[in-house]
Amino acid sequence: MKIRKGKIVGLQGNWMSGIAELVVDEVIGKAVIRTGVYCDNAPTVRALENCFGDVIGPAHTINHHGGHVGKEIYFSTDPVGVLEAFTPVEDAPPEMVRIYEEAIP
């Protein structure tokens, strides 16, 4: 599993489709690339709400200026690029940080 790192720019999606896109400014070596990571809408919104707060807006909408925006995360995706998991940088265990840093070219 490859661990990636980035800063959350936003989350966009439609609860009817069940699909969302977590937009992240991903750190790749010394570059920062804006990346869209597809994810399951409801579980991702609930996880972001649990970690950062102020993510769920009125009528179960996404608060596009919520507590998740600007937060740094470590994350991984499955083989087709769908979000598997994320961890706020400040909550990452030392082993996760070590694995990420050892993979930097």
Protein backbone atom coordinates (compact mmCIF):
# COMPACT_ATOMS: atom_id res chain seq x y z
CA MET A 1 0.00 0.00 0.00
CA LYS A 2 1.29 3.42 -0.94
CA ILE A 3 0.74 6.19 1.59
CA ARG A 4 0.15 9.63 0.09
CA LYS A 5 -0.03 13.06 1.71
CA GLY A 6 -1.91 16.23 0.89
CA LYS A 7 -4.00 19.18 2.03
CA ILE A 8 -7.77 18.98 1.58
CA VAL A 9 -9.07 21.64 -0.80
CA GLY A 10 -12.67 20.49 -0.81
CA LEU A 11 -15.22 17.74 -1.16
CA GLN A 12 -17.82 17.66 -3.88
CA GLY A 13 -20.48 15.14 -4.58
CA ASN A 14 -24.12 14.29 -4.77
CA TRP A 15 -25.68 12.20 -2.05
CA MET A 16 -28.07 10.66 -4.60
CA SER A 17 -25.18 9.15 -6.60
CA GLY A 18 -23.28 7.90 -3.58
CA ILE A 19 -20.04 9.13 -5.15
CA ALA A 20 -17.94 12.10 -4.07
CA GLU A 21 -14.57 13.55 -4.98
CA LEU A 22 -12.13 14.57 -2.27
CA VAL A 23 -10.01 17.32 -3.80
CA VAL A 24 -6.49 17.33 -2.37
CA ASP A 25 -3.34 19.34 -3.05
CA GLU A 26 -1.11 16.27 -3.01
CA VAL A 27 2.58 16.46 -2.17
CA ILE A 28 4.54 14.48 -4.76
CA GLY A 29 8.25 14.82 -4.10
CA LYS A 30 8.82 18.57 -4.04
CA ALA A 31 5.76 19.33 -6.19
CA VAL A 32 2.16 19.93 -5.16
CA ILE A 33 -0.45 18.57 -7.57
CA ARG A 34 -4.21 19.08 -7.27
CA THR A 35 -5.72 15.60 -7.23
CA GLY A 36 -9.32 14.42 -7.26
CA VAL A 37 -9.81 11.22 -5.27
CA TYR A 38 -13.12 9.45 -5.76
CA CYS A 39 -14.77 8.09 -2.63
CA ASP A 40 -18.02 6.82 -1.15
CA ASN A 41 -19.97 9.99 -0.37
CA ALA A 42 -21.74 9.28 2.92
CA PRO A 43 -18.95 7.34 4.72
CA THR A 44 -16.34 9.93 3.68
CA VAL A 45 -18.49 12.85 4.84
CA ARG A 46 -19.11 11.14 8.19
CA ALA A 47 -15.40 10.35 8.61
CA LEU A 48 -14.40 13.94 7.80
CA GLU A 49 -17.06 15.22 10.21
CA ASN A 50 -15.74 12.92 12.93
CA CYS A 51 -12.13 14.04 12.40
CA PHE A 52 -12.53 17.76 11.75
CA GLY A 53 -16.13 18.84 12.46
CA ASP A 54 -18.32 21.37 10.64
CA VAL A 55 -18.41 19.24 7.46
CA ILE A 56 -22.13 18.43 7.38
CA GLY A 57 -24.28 21.40 6.46
CA PRO A 58 -28.04 21.98 6.55
CA ALA A 59 -30.23 19.30 4.98
CA HIS A 60 -27.33 16.82 4.91
CA THR A 61 -25.28 18.90 2.47
CA ILE A 62 -21.51 19.36 2.46
CA ASN A 63 -20.29 22.55 4.12
CA HIS A 64 -17.79 23.60 1.44
CA HIS A 65 -16.02 25.91 3.90
CA GLY A 66 -16.10 23.41 6.76
CA GLY A 67 -13.53 22.12 9.19
CA HIS A 68 -11.98 19.74 6.65
CA VAL A 69 -10.78 22.45 4.25
CA GLY A 70 -7.07 23.13 4.61
CA LYS A 71 -6.38 20.08 6.77
CA GLU A 72 -3.41 17.86 5.97
CA ILE A 73 -3.99 14.13 5.68
CA TYR A 74 -2.18 10.93 4.85
CA PHE A 75 -4.34 8.80 2.57
CA SER A 76 -4.33 5.67 0.46
CA THR A 77 -6.32 4.53 -2.56
CA ASP A 78 -7.22 1.16 -3.97
CA PRO A 79 -5.74 -0.10 -7.28
CA VAL A 80 -8.25 1.92 -9.33
CA GLY A 81 -7.75 5.14 -7.36
CA VAL A 82 -10.73 5.11 -4.98
CA LEU A 83 -10.09 6.35 -1.43
CA GLU A 84 -9.41 3.51 0.99
CA ALA A 85 -8.55 5.46 4.13
CA PHE A 86 -7.23 8.74 5.46
CA THR A 87 -5.60 9.90 8.67
CA PRO A 88 -5.17 13.50 9.80
CA VAL A 89 -1.44 14.31 9.81
CA GLU A 90 -1.55 15.28 13.49
CA ASP A 91 -3.05 11.87 14.39
CA ALA A 92 -0.71 9.74 12.27
CA PRO A 93 1.27 7.12 14.16
CA PRO A 94 5.07 7.26 13.81
CA GLU A 95 5.11 4.10 11.69
CA MET A 96 2.83 5.70 9.08
CA VAL A 97 5.02 8.80 8.92
CA ARG A 98 8.12 6.62 8.56
CA ILE A 99 6.62 4.58 5.70
CA TYR A 100 5.54 7.76 3.90
CA GLU A 101 8.92 9.47 4.34
CA GLU A 102 10.91 6.42 3.24
CA ALA A 103 8.95 6.33 -0.03
CA ILE A 104 9.83 9.94 -0.94
CA PRO A 105 12.24 9.92 -3.91
